[in-house]
Amino acid sequence: MLFAISFWTRSQAARHLIILSILFYLALLAIDHNTLQVAIPLVLVSALLFAAAIFAAEPVERIVQLGGRLPLHALVGFLAGLAMVEFELADEASYNSGFAIASAAALVGIVAAIMLGGRESRGLRWVAYAGFAFELAIIYGVMLQSMLDTAGFFLSAAVLLGILALVIIRVEKRMKTPAGGGAAA
């Protein structure tokens, strides 16, 4: 109802706040009720909204009128939902692979968001980078128990971060160059 009123008042800021309020409400709802019943639909709906906002940008933007920020909101919803799933499965991380699957899905989603929508949105890139840092921290906190595991984690993280930095540098260089051709000397 409030979203419809925001169209009548032509308030784009109100639409942004309504979406963020819904995400916050879902996080609070997940705390009170079964987390997975709230978080998994949030992840799926957010992923679908992100895909729609990227692959059908013009018609979706005409409908939601968010100034091209729907992918950013969808990424926030996706990351929030997966964080809820990871927190729910964190205690059982050593007994089943649900936590590992959720963490891998988050990392794949972050990379996909950067590759698909990172060129158009600086904010989306920042949220994706913050999500990546959060993922490394939660994986470290949940999966590692001993000093040997910690040393191995830091070695693996350093190698992964170095490779990721090279990929990001190349992607951002491509984002800066015009699509029509290379730079003149």
N, C-alpha and C. Protein backbone atom coordinates (compact mmCIF):
# COMPACT_ATOMS: atom_id res chain seq x y z
N MET A 1 0.82 -1.18 0.00
CA MET A 1 0.00 0.00 0.00
C MET A 1 0.88 1.26 0.00
N LEU A 2 1.90 1.27 0.87
CA LEU A 2 2.78 2.43 0.94
C LEU A 2 3.58 2.60 -0.35
N PHE A 3 3.94 1.47 -0.97
CA PHE A 3 4.68 1.55 -2.23
C PHE A 3 3.82 2.23 -3.30
N ALA A 4 2.54 1.91 -3.35
CA ALA A 4 1.63 2.56 -4.30
C ALA A 4 1.47 4.05 -3.99
N ILE A 5 1.42 4.38 -2.73
CA ILE A 5 1.32 5.80 -2.35
C ILE A 5 2.58 6.55 -2.77
N SER A 6 3.73 5.89 -2.71
CA SER A 6 4.97 6.56 -3.11
C SER A 6 4.96 6.91 -4.61
N PHE A 7 4.23 6.14 -5.42
CA PHE A 7 4.08 6.50 -6.84
C PHE A 7 3.20 7.73 -6.98
N TRP A 8 2.14 7.77 -6.19
CA TRP A 8 1.22 8.90 -6.24
C TRP A 8 1.93 10.19 -5.82
N THR A 9 2.77 10.09 -4.79
CA THR A 9 3.50 11.28 -4.32
C THR A 9 4.80 11.51 -5.09
N ARG A 10 5.14 10.59 -5.98
CA ARG A 10 6.37 10.67 -6.79
C ARG A 10 7.62 10.75 -5.92
N SER A 11 7.64 9.97 -4.87
CA SER A 11 8.76 9.98 -3.92
C SER A 11 9.62 8.74 -4.11
N GLN A 12 10.71 8.91 -4.84
CA GLN A 12 11.64 7.81 -5.07
C GLN A 12 12.33 7.42 -3.75
N ALA A 13 12.65 8.40 -2.93
CA ALA A 13 13.29 8.12 -1.64
C ALA A 13 12.38 7.25 -0.76
N ALA A 14 11.09 7.49 -0.80
CA ALA A 14 10.16 6.68 -0.01
C ALA A 14 10.17 5.23 -0.49
N ARG A 15 10.26 5.01 -1.80
CA ARG A 15 10.31 3.64 -2.32
C ARG A 15 11.58 2.93 -1.84
N HIS A 16 12.71 3.64 -1.82
CA HIS A 16 13.95 3.05 -1.32
C HIS A 16 13.81 2.67 0.15
N LEU A 17 13.25 3.56 0.95
CA LEU A 17 13.08 3.29 2.37
C LEU A 17 12.09 2.16 2.63
N ILE A 18 11.06 2.06 1.81
CA ILE A 18 10.09 0.98 1.96
C ILE A 18 10.76 -0.37 1.70
N ILE A 19 11.57 -0.45 0.66
CA ILE A 19 12.26 -1.70 0.35
C ILE A 19 13.22 -2.07 1.48
N LEU A 20 13.99 -1.11 1.96
CA LEU A 20 14.92 -1.38 3.07
C LEU A 20 14.16 -1.76 4.34
N SER A 21 13.00 -1.16 4.56
CA SER A 21 12.17 -1.51 5.72
C SER A 21 11.66 -2.94 5.62
N ILE A 22 11.28 -3.35 4.43
CA ILE A 22 10.81 -4.73 4.23
C ILE A 22 11.94 -5.71 4.52
N LEU A 23 13.15 -5.40 4.05
CA LEU A 23 14.29 -6.28 4.31
C LEU A 23 14.57 -6.37 5.82
N PHE A 24 14.51 -5.23 6.50
CA PHE A 24 14.72 -5.22 7.95
C PHE A 24 13.63 -6.01 8.67
N TYR A 25 12.38 -5.85 8.23
CA TYR A 25 11.28 -6.59 8.83
C TYR A 25 11.48 -8.10 8.65
N LEU A 26 11.92 -8.51 7.46
CA LEU A 26 12.14 -9.94 7.22
C LEU A 26 13.27 -10.47 8.10
N ALA A 27 14.29 -9.67 8.33
CA ALA A 27 15.37 -10.10 9.24
C ALA A 27 14.84 -10.28 10.66
N LEU A 28 14.01 -9.35 11.11
CA LEU A 28 13.41 -9.48 12.44
C LEU A 28 12.44 -10.66 12.50
N LEU A 29 11.70 -10.88 11.45
CA LEU A 29 10.77 -12.02 11.39
C LEU A 29 11.54 -13.33 11.46
N ALA A 30 12.68 -13.39 10.81
CA ALA A 30 13.49 -14.61 10.83
C ALA A 30 14.02 -14.90 12.23
N ILE A 31 14.26 -13.87 13.01
CA ILE A 31 14.73 -14.06 14.39
C ILE A 31 13.63 -14.70 15.24
N ASP A 32 12.39 -14.26 15.06
CA ASP A 32 11.28 -14.77 15.86
C ASP A 32 10.76 -16.12 15.40
N HIS A 33 10.82 -16.38 14.11
CA HIS A 33 10.24 -17.60 13.56
C HIS A 33 11.33 -18.48 12.98
N ASN A 34 10.93 -19.49 12.26
CA ASN A 34 11.88 -20.38 11.62
C ASN A 34 12.69 -19.61 10.57
N THR A 35 13.96 -19.50 10.80
CA THR A 35 14.84 -18.69 9.96
C THR A 35 14.83 -19.15 8.51
N LEU A 36 14.94 -20.43 8.28
CA LEU A 36 15.05 -20.93 6.91
C LEU A 36 13.77 -20.70 6.11
N GLN A 37 12.61 -20.71 6.77
CA GLN A 37 11.36 -20.46 6.05
C GLN A 37 11.24 -19.02 5.60
N VAL A 38 11.96 -18.12 6.20
CA VAL A 38 11.96 -16.71 5.80
C VAL A 38 13.13 -16.42 4.87
N ALA A 39 14.31 -16.95 5.21
CA ALA A 39 15.54 -16.59 4.51
C ALA A 39 15.62 -17.17 3.10
N ILE A 40 15.23 -18.41 2.92
CA ILE A 40 15.36 -19.04 1.60
C ILE A 40 14.46 -18.36 0.57
N PRO A 41 13.19 -18.08 0.87
CA PRO A 41 12.40 -17.30 -0.11
C PRO A 41 12.98 -15.91 -0.36
N LEU A 42 13.54 -15.27 0.67
CA LEU A 42 14.17 -13.97 0.47
C LEU A 42 15.33 -14.06 -0.50
N VAL A 43 16.16 -15.09 -0.36
CA VAL A 43 17.29 -15.29 -1.27
C VAL A 43 16.79 -15.51 -2.70
N LEU A 44 15.81 -16.37 -2.86
CA LEU A 44 15.30 -16.69 -4.20
C LEU A 44 14.63 -15.49 -4.86
N VAL A 45 13.80 -14.78 -4.12
CA VAL A 45 13.11 -13.61 -4.68
C VAL A 45 14.13 -12.51 -5.02
N SER A 46 15.11 -12.31 -4.15
CA SER A 46 16.13 -11.30 -4.42
C SER A 46 16.95 -11.64 -5.66
N ALA A 47 17.30 -12.92 -5.82
CA ALA A 47 18.05 -13.34 -7.00
C ALA A 47 17.22 -13.13 -8.28
N LEU A 48 15.93 -13.44 -8.21
CA LEU A 48 15.06 -13.23 -9.37
C LEU A 48 14.90 -11.74 -9.69
N LEU A 49 14.75 -10.92 -8.66
CA LEU A 49 14.65 -9.48 -8.87
C LEU A 49 15.95 -8.91 -9.46
N PHE A 50 17.08 -9.40 -8.99
CA PHE A 50 18.37 -8.95 -9.53
C PHE A 50 18.47 -9.31 -11.01
N ALA A 51 18.12 -10.56 -11.33
CA ALA A 51 18.18 -10.99 -12.73
C ALA A 51 17.23 -10.17 -13.60
N ALA A 52 16.03 -9.92 -13.11
CA ALA A 52 15.07 -9.12 -13.88
C ALA A 52 15.58 -7.70 -14.06
N ALA A 53 16.17 -7.12 -13.01
CA ALA A 53 16.67 -5.75 -13.09
C ALA A 53 17.87 -5.62 -14.01
N ILE A 54 18.63 -6.69 -14.18
CA ILE A 54 19.81 -6.64 -15.06
C ILE A 54 19.42 -6.96 -16.50
N PHE A 55 18.66 -8.03 -16.70
CA PHE A 55 18.38 -8.50 -18.06
C PHE A 55 17.19 -7.82 -18.72
N ALA A 56 16.30 -7.24 -17.94
CA ALA A 56 15.16 -6.49 -18.49
C ALA A 56 15.10 -5.14 -17.79
N ALA A 57 16.18 -4.41 -17.88
CA ALA A 57 16.35 -3.19 -17.07
C ALA A 57 15.29 -2.13 -17.37
N GLU A 58 15.04 -1.85 -18.63
CA GLU A 58 14.11 -0.76 -18.97
C GLU A 58 12.68 -1.02 -18.52
N PRO A 59 12.09 -2.18 -18.86
CA PRO A 59 10.71 -2.38 -18.40
C PRO A 59 10.58 -2.47 -16.88
N VAL A 60 11.54 -3.08 -16.23
CA VAL A 60 11.49 -3.19 -14.77
C VAL A 60 11.63 -1.80 -14.14
N GLU A 61 12.52 -0.97 -14.67
CA GLU A 61 12.71 0.37 -14.13
C GLU A 61 11.47 1.22 -14.34
N ARG A 62 10.78 1.05 -15.47
CA ARG A 62 9.53 1.79 -15.69
C ARG A 62 8.49 1.44 -14.64
N ILE A 63 8.51 0.20 -14.18
CA ILE A 63 7.53 -0.25 -13.18
C ILE A 63 7.90 0.23 -11.78
N VAL A 64 9.15 -0.03 -11.35
CA VAL A 64 9.51 0.26 -9.95
C VAL A 64 10.01 1.68 -9.74
N GLN A 65 10.55 2.32 -10.75
CA GLN A 65 11.02 3.71 -10.70
C GLN A 65 11.92 3.98 -9.50
N LEU A 66 13.04 3.24 -9.45
CA LEU A 66 14.00 3.39 -8.36
C LEU A 66 15.30 4.05 -8.82
N GLY A 67 15.33 4.60 -9.98
CA GLY A 67 16.54 5.24 -10.46
C GLY A 67 17.65 4.26 -10.77
N GLY A 68 17.30 3.05 -11.17
CA GLY A 68 18.29 2.04 -11.51
C GLY A 68 18.92 1.36 -10.31
N ARG A 69 18.34 1.51 -9.13
CA ARG A 69 18.93 0.97 -7.91
C ARG A 69 18.31 -0.38 -7.48
N LEU A 70 17.43 -0.95 -8.26
CA LEU A 70 16.84 -2.23 -7.89
C LEU A 70 17.90 -3.34 -7.76
N PRO A 71 18.92 -3.42 -8.64
CA PRO A 71 19.93 -4.46 -8.43
C PRO A 71 20.65 -4.32 -7.09
N LEU A 72 20.87 -3.09 -6.65
CA LEU A 72 21.52 -2.87 -5.36
C LEU A 72 20.65 -3.39 -4.22
N HIS A 73 19.36 -3.08 -4.25
CA HIS A 73 18.44 -3.57 -3.22
C HIS A 73 18.33 -5.08 -3.27
N ALA A 74 18.31 -5.64 -4.47
CA ALA A 74 18.22 -7.10 -4.61
C ALA A 74 19.47 -7.77 -4.05
N LEU A 75 20.64 -7.18 -4.29
CA LEU A 75 21.87 -7.74 -3.74
C LEU A 75 21.87 -7.68 -2.21
N VAL A 76 21.40 -6.59 -1.65
CA VAL A 76 21.31 -6.48 -0.19
C VAL A 76 20.37 -7.56 0.35
N GLY A 77 19.23 -7.76 -0.29
CA GLY A 77 18.31 -8.80 0.14
C GLY A 77 18.91 -10.19 0.02
N PHE A 78 19.62 -10.44 -1.07
CA PHE A 78 20.27 -11.73 -1.30
C PHE A 78 21.30 -12.01 -0.21
N LEU A 79 22.14 -11.02 0.06
CA LEU A 79 23.18 -11.20 1.08
C LEU A 79 22.59 -11.33 2.48
N ALA A 80 21.54 -10.56 2.77
CA ALA A 80 20.90 -10.66 4.08
C ALA A 80 20.26 -12.04 4.27
N GLY A 81 19.60 -12.53 3.24
CA GLY A 81 18.98 -13.85 3.33
C GLY A 81 20.01 -14.95 3.51
N LEU A 82 21.10 -14.89 2.75
CA LEU A 82 22.13 -15.92 2.90
C LEU A 82 22.85 -15.80 4.24
N ALA A 83 22.99 -14.59 4.76
CA ALA A 83 23.59 -14.45 6.09
C ALA A 83 22.71 -15.11 7.14
N MET A 84 21.39 -14.95 7.01
CA MET A 84 20.48 -15.61 7.94
C MET A 84 20.60 -17.13 7.85
N VAL A 85 20.70 -17.64 6.62
CA VAL A 85 20.86 -19.08 6.43
C VAL A 85 22.17 -19.55 7.06
N GLU A 86 23.24 -18.80 6.83
CA GLU A 86 24.54 -19.20 7.37
C GLU A 86 24.55 -19.18 8.90
N PHE A 87 23.91 -18.17 9.50
CA PHE A 87 23.84 -18.13 10.95
C PHE A 87 23.04 -19.31 11.49
N GLU A 88 21.99 -19.68 10.79
CA GLU A 88 21.17 -20.82 11.21
C GLU A 88 21.96 -22.13 11.13
N LEU A 89 22.78 -22.28 10.09
CA LEU A 89 23.51 -23.52 9.87
C LEU A 89 24.90 -23.52 10.49
N ALA A 90 25.30 -22.44 11.13
CA ALA A 90 26.67 -22.33 11.65
C ALA A 90 26.97 -23.36 12.72
N ASP A 91 26.02 -23.69 13.57
CA ASP A 91 26.27 -24.66 14.64
C ASP A 91 26.46 -26.06 14.10
N GLU A 92 25.87 -26.33 12.94
CA GLU A 92 25.93 -27.67 12.37
C GLU A 92 26.97 -27.76 11.26
N ALA A 93 27.87 -26.77 11.17
CA ALA A 93 28.81 -26.69 10.03
C ALA A 93 29.71 -27.91 9.94
N SER A 94 30.09 -28.50 11.06
CA SER A 94 30.99 -29.65 10.99
C SER A 94 30.24 -30.95 10.75
N TYR A 95 28.92 -30.95 10.85
CA TYR A 95 28.15 -32.18 10.69
C TYR A 95 27.52 -32.34 9.31
N ASN A 96 27.26 -31.25 8.62
CA ASN A 96 26.69 -31.36 7.28
C ASN A 96 27.28 -30.28 6.39
N SER A 97 26.97 -30.32 5.14
CA SER A 97 27.58 -29.37 4.20
C SER A 97 26.65 -28.21 3.87
N GLY A 98 25.58 -28.02 4.62
CA GLY A 98 24.64 -26.93 4.35
C GLY A 98 25.30 -25.57 4.46
N PHE A 99 26.15 -25.39 5.47
CA PHE A 99 26.85 -24.12 5.63
C PHE A 99 27.78 -23.86 4.46
N ALA A 100 28.51 -24.88 4.05
CA ALA A 100 29.44 -24.72 2.93
C ALA A 100 28.70 -24.39 1.64
N ILE A 101 27.55 -24.98 1.43
CA ILE A 101 26.75 -24.70 0.23
C ILE A 101 26.24 -23.27 0.27
N ALA A 102 25.76 -22.83 1.43
CA ALA A 102 25.28 -21.45 1.56
C ALA A 102 26.41 -20.45 1.35
N SER A 103 27.58 -20.74 1.89
CA SER A 103 28.74 -19.85 1.72
C SER A 103 29.17 -19.80 0.27
N ALA A 104 29.20 -20.95 -0.39
CA ALA A 104 29.57 -20.98 -1.80
C ALA A 104 28.55 -20.22 -2.65
N ALA A 105 27.27 -20.37 -2.32
CA ALA A 105 26.22 -19.64 -3.06
C ALA A 105 26.39 -18.14 -2.87
N ALA A 106 26.75 -17.71 -1.67
CA ALA A 106 26.96 -16.28 -1.42
C ALA A 106 28.14 -15.77 -2.24
N LEU A 107 29.23 -16.50 -2.25
CA LEU A 107 30.41 -16.07 -3.01
C LEU A 107 30.12 -16.03 -4.51
N VAL A 108 29.41 -17.03 -5.01
CA VAL A 108 29.05 -17.04 -6.43
C VAL A 108 28.11 -15.88 -6.74
N GLY A 109 27.16 -15.62 -5.86
CA GLY A 109 26.25 -14.50 -6.07
C GLY A 109 26.96 -13.15 -6.07
N ILE A 110 27.95 -13.00 -5.20
CA ILE A 110 28.72 -11.75 -5.15
C ILE A 110 29.49 -11.55 -6.44
N VAL A 111 30.16 -12.59 -6.89
CA VAL A 111 30.93 -12.49 -8.14
C VAL A 111 29.99 -12.21 -9.32
N ALA A 112 28.86 -12.89 -9.37
CA ALA A 112 27.89 -12.65 -10.45
C ALA A 112 27.37 -11.22 -10.42
N ALA A 113 27.11 -10.69 -9.23
CA ALA A 113 26.62 -9.32 -9.12
C ALA A 113 27.64 -8.33 -9.63
N ILE A 114 28.91 -8.54 -9.29
CA ILE A 114 29.96 -7.64 -9.77
C ILE A 114 30.09 -7.74 -11.28
N MET A 115 30.05 -8.94 -11.80
CA MET A 115 30.22 -9.12 -13.25
C MET A 115 29.03 -8.58 -14.04
N LEU A 116 27.82 -8.78 -13.54
CA LEU A 116 26.63 -8.38 -14.28
C LEU A 116 26.23 -6.93 -14.07
N GLY A 117 26.33 -6.43 -12.84
CA GLY A 117 25.84 -5.09 -12.57
C GLY A 117 26.87 -4.11 -12.05
N GLY A 118 28.10 -4.56 -11.88
CA GLY A 118 29.13 -3.71 -11.31
C GLY A 118 29.53 -2.53 -12.16
N ARG A 119 29.41 -2.66 -13.45
CA ARG A 119 29.80 -1.56 -14.35
C ARG A 119 28.90 -0.34 -14.16
N GLU A 120 27.63 -0.58 -13.99
CA GLU A 120 26.66 0.52 -13.92
C GLU A 120 26.53 1.12 -12.53
N SER A 121 26.92 0.40 -11.49
CA SER A 121 26.63 0.87 -10.14
C SER A 121 27.84 0.74 -9.23
N ARG A 122 28.34 1.88 -8.84
CA ARG A 122 29.46 1.91 -7.90
C ARG A 122 29.00 1.40 -6.53
N GLY A 123 27.80 1.76 -6.14
CA GLY A 123 27.25 1.30 -4.86
C GLY A 123 27.12 -0.21 -4.81
N LEU A 124 26.72 -0.81 -5.92
CA LEU A 124 26.60 -2.26 -5.99
C LEU A 124 27.96 -2.91 -5.79
N ARG A 125 29.00 -2.34 -6.39
CA ARG A 125 30.35 -2.88 -6.21
C ARG A 125 30.77 -2.80 -4.75
N TRP A 126 30.48 -1.68 -4.08
CA TRP A 126 30.86 -1.53 -2.68
C TRP A 126 30.11 -2.52 -1.80
N VAL A 127 28.83 -2.71 -2.04
CA VAL A 127 28.07 -3.68 -1.26
C VAL A 127 28.60 -5.10 -1.51
N ALA A 128 28.94 -5.39 -2.76
CA ALA A 128 29.49 -6.70 -3.08
C ALA A 128 30.83 -6.92 -2.39
N TYR A 129 31.69 -5.92 -2.38
CA TYR A 129 32.98 -6.05 -1.70
C TYR A 129 32.79 -6.23 -0.19
N ALA A 130 31.85 -5.49 0.39
CA ALA A 130 31.56 -5.64 1.82
C ALA A 130 30.99 -7.03 2.10
N GLY A 131 30.15 -7.53 1.20
CA GLY A 131 29.61 -8.88 1.34
C GLY A 131 30.70 -9.93 1.26
N PHE A 132 31.67 -9.72 0.39
CA PHE A 132 32.80 -10.65 0.28
C PHE A 132 33.61 -10.67 1.57
N ALA A 133 33.87 -9.50 2.12
CA ALA A 133 34.62 -9.42 3.38
C ALA A 133 33.85 -10.11 4.51
N PHE A 134 32.52 -9.91 4.55
CA PHE A 134 31.69 -10.56 5.55
C PHE A 134 31.76 -12.08 5.38
N GLU A 135 31.70 -12.55 4.15
CA GLU A 135 31.76 -13.99 3.89
C GLU A 135 33.07 -14.58 4.37
N LEU A 136 34.17 -13.92 4.09
CA LEU A 136 35.46 -14.42 4.57
C LEU A 136 35.47 -14.48 6.10
N ALA A 137 34.93 -13.46 6.74
CA ALA A 137 34.92 -13.43 8.20
C ALA A 137 34.04 -14.54 8.78
N ILE A 138 32.86 -14.75 8.21
CA ILE A 138 31.98 -15.77 8.77
C ILE A 138 32.52 -17.18 8.49
N ILE A 139 33.10 -17.38 7.31
CA ILE A 139 33.69 -18.70 7.02
C ILE A 139 34.83 -18.96 7.99
N TYR A 140 35.65 -17.95 8.21
CA TYR A 140 36.75 -18.11 9.16
C TYR A 140 36.22 -18.42 10.56
N GLY A 141 35.24 -17.68 11.00
CA GLY A 141 34.72 -17.86 12.35
C GLY A 141 34.05 -19.20 12.57
N VAL A 142 33.41 -19.73 11.56
CA VAL A 142 32.65 -20.96 11.73
C VAL A 142 33.48 -22.21 11.44
N MET A 143 34.25 -22.17 10.38
CA MET A 143 34.89 -23.38 9.90
C MET A 143 36.22 -23.72 10.58
N LEU A 144 36.90 -22.76 11.15
CA LEU A 144 38.25 -23.03 11.65
C LEU A 144 38.28 -23.19 13.16
N GLN A 145 39.02 -24.17 13.60
CA GLN A 145 39.05 -24.47 15.02
C GLN A 145 40.47 -24.42 15.61
N SER A 146 41.48 -24.77 14.86
CA SER A 146 42.82 -24.89 15.44
C SER A 146 43.79 -23.91 14.79
N MET A 147 44.98 -23.81 15.34
CA MET A 147 46.00 -22.91 14.80
C MET A 147 46.46 -23.36 13.42
N LEU A 148 46.58 -24.65 13.20
CA LEU A 148 47.00 -25.15 11.89
C LEU A 148 45.95 -24.81 10.84
N ASP A 149 44.69 -24.96 11.19
CA ASP A 149 43.61 -24.57 10.29
C ASP A 149 43.66 -23.07 10.02
N THR A 150 43.96 -22.29 11.03
CA THR A 150 44.04 -20.84 10.88
C THR A 150 45.14 -20.46 9.90
N ALA A 151 46.31 -21.06 10.05
CA ALA A 151 47.43 -20.77 9.13
C ALA A 151 47.07 -21.17 7.70
N GLY A 152 46.46 -22.32 7.55
CA GLY A 152 46.04 -22.76 6.22
C GLY A 152 44.98 -21.85 5.63
N PHE A 153 44.06 -21.39 6.48
CA PHE A 153 43.03 -20.47 6.01
C PHE A 153 43.65 -19.18 5.51
N PHE A 154 44.58 -18.60 6.30
CA PHE A 154 45.18 -17.34 5.88
C PHE A 154 46.00 -17.51 4.60
N LEU A 155 46.67 -18.63 4.44
CA LEU A 155 47.40 -18.88 3.20
C LEU A 155 46.43 -18.98 2.03
N SER A 156 45.38 -19.74 2.20
CA SER A 156 44.37 -19.89 1.13
C SER A 156 43.68 -18.56 0.84
N ALA A 157 43.33 -17.82 1.89
CA ALA A 157 42.67 -16.53 1.70
C ALA A 157 43.59 -15.55 0.99
N ALA A 158 44.87 -15.56 1.32
CA ALA A 158 45.81 -14.65 0.65
C ALA A 158 45.94 -14.97 -0.82
N VAL A 159 46.04 -16.24 -1.15
CA VAL A 159 46.12 -16.63 -2.56
C VAL A 159 44.83 -16.28 -3.29
N LEU A 160 43.69 -16.61 -2.68
CA LEU A 160 42.39 -16.29 -3.27
C LEU A 160 42.19 -14.79 -3.43
N LEU A 161 42.57 -14.02 -2.42
CA LEU A 161 42.43 -12.57 -2.48
C LEU A 161 43.33 -11.97 -3.57
N GLY A 162 44.54 -12.51 -3.71
CA GLY A 162 45.43 -12.04 -4.77
C GLY A 162 44.86 -12.30 -6.15
N ILE A 163 44.33 -13.49 -6.35
CA ILE A 163 43.71 -13.83 -7.64
C ILE A 163 42.48 -12.97 -7.88
N LEU A 164 41.67 -12.80 -6.84
CA LEU A 164 40.47 -11.97 -6.96
C LEU A 164 40.84 -10.52 -7.27
N ALA A 165 41.90 -10.01 -6.65
CA ALA A 165 42.33 -8.64 -6.92
C ALA A 165 42.74 -8.47 -8.39
N LEU A 166 43.45 -9.45 -8.93
CA LEU A 166 43.83 -9.39 -10.35
C LEU A 166 42.60 -9.40 -11.25
N VAL A 167 41.63 -10.24 -10.93
CA VAL A 167 40.41 -10.31 -11.73
C VAL A 167 39.65 -9.00 -11.63
N ILE A 168 39.54 -8.44 -10.43
CA ILE A 168 38.81 -7.18 -10.25
C ILE A 168 39.49 -6.05 -11.00
N ILE A 169 40.82 -6.00 -10.95
CA ILE A 169 41.55 -4.96 -11.68
C ILE A 169 41.28 -5.06 -13.17
N ARG A 170 41.29 -6.27 -13.70
CA ARG A 170 41.02 -6.44 -15.13
C ARG A 170 39.58 -6.08 -15.49
N VAL A 171 38.65 -6.47 -14.64
CA VAL A 171 37.24 -6.15 -14.89
C VAL A 171 37.03 -4.64 -14.84
N GLU A 172 37.61 -3.98 -13.85
CA GLU A 172 37.43 -2.53 -13.74
C GLU A 172 38.11 -1.79 -14.88
N LYS A 173 39.23 -2.31 -15.40
CA LYS A 173 39.87 -1.69 -16.57
C LYS A 173 38.95 -1.80 -17.77
N ARG A 174 38.29 -2.93 -17.91
CA ARG A 174 37.35 -3.10 -19.03
C ARG A 174 36.13 -2.20 -18.87
N MET A 175 35.73 -1.97 -17.63
CA MET A 175 34.59 -1.10 -17.38
C MET A 175 34.92 0.34 -17.75
N LYS A 176 36.17 0.74 -17.56
CA LYS A 176 36.57 2.12 -17.84
C LYS A 176 36.76 2.39 -19.32
N THR A 177 37.20 1.39 -20.10
CA THR A 177 37.41 1.60 -21.53
C THR A 177 36.09 1.60 -22.25
N PRO A 178 35.93 2.51 -23.24
CA PRO A 178 34.66 2.54 -23.99
C PRO A 178 34.47 1.26 -24.78
N ALA A 179 33.22 0.93 -25.01
CA ALA A 179 32.89 -0.31 -25.72
C ALA A 179 33.27 -0.26 -27.18
N GLY A 180 33.44 0.93 -27.77
CA GLY A 180 33.72 1.07 -29.19
C GLY A 180 35.14 0.74 -29.58
N GLY A 181 36.09 0.82 -28.68
CA GLY A 181 37.47 0.53 -29.05
C GLY A 181 38.41 0.86 -27.93
N GLY A 182 39.71 0.68 -28.21
CA GLY A 182 40.73 0.91 -27.21
C GLY A 182 41.12 2.36 -27.15
N ALA A 183 42.05 2.67 -26.27
CA ALA A 183 42.53 4.04 -26.08
C ALA A 183 43.56 4.38 -27.14
N ALA A 184 43.57 5.63 -27.57
CA ALA A 184 44.54 6.08 -28.56
C ALA A 184 45.82 6.45 -27.86
N ALA A 185 46.96 6.21 -28.54
CA ALA A 185 48.25 6.48 -27.94
C ALA A 185 48.70 7.90 -28.21
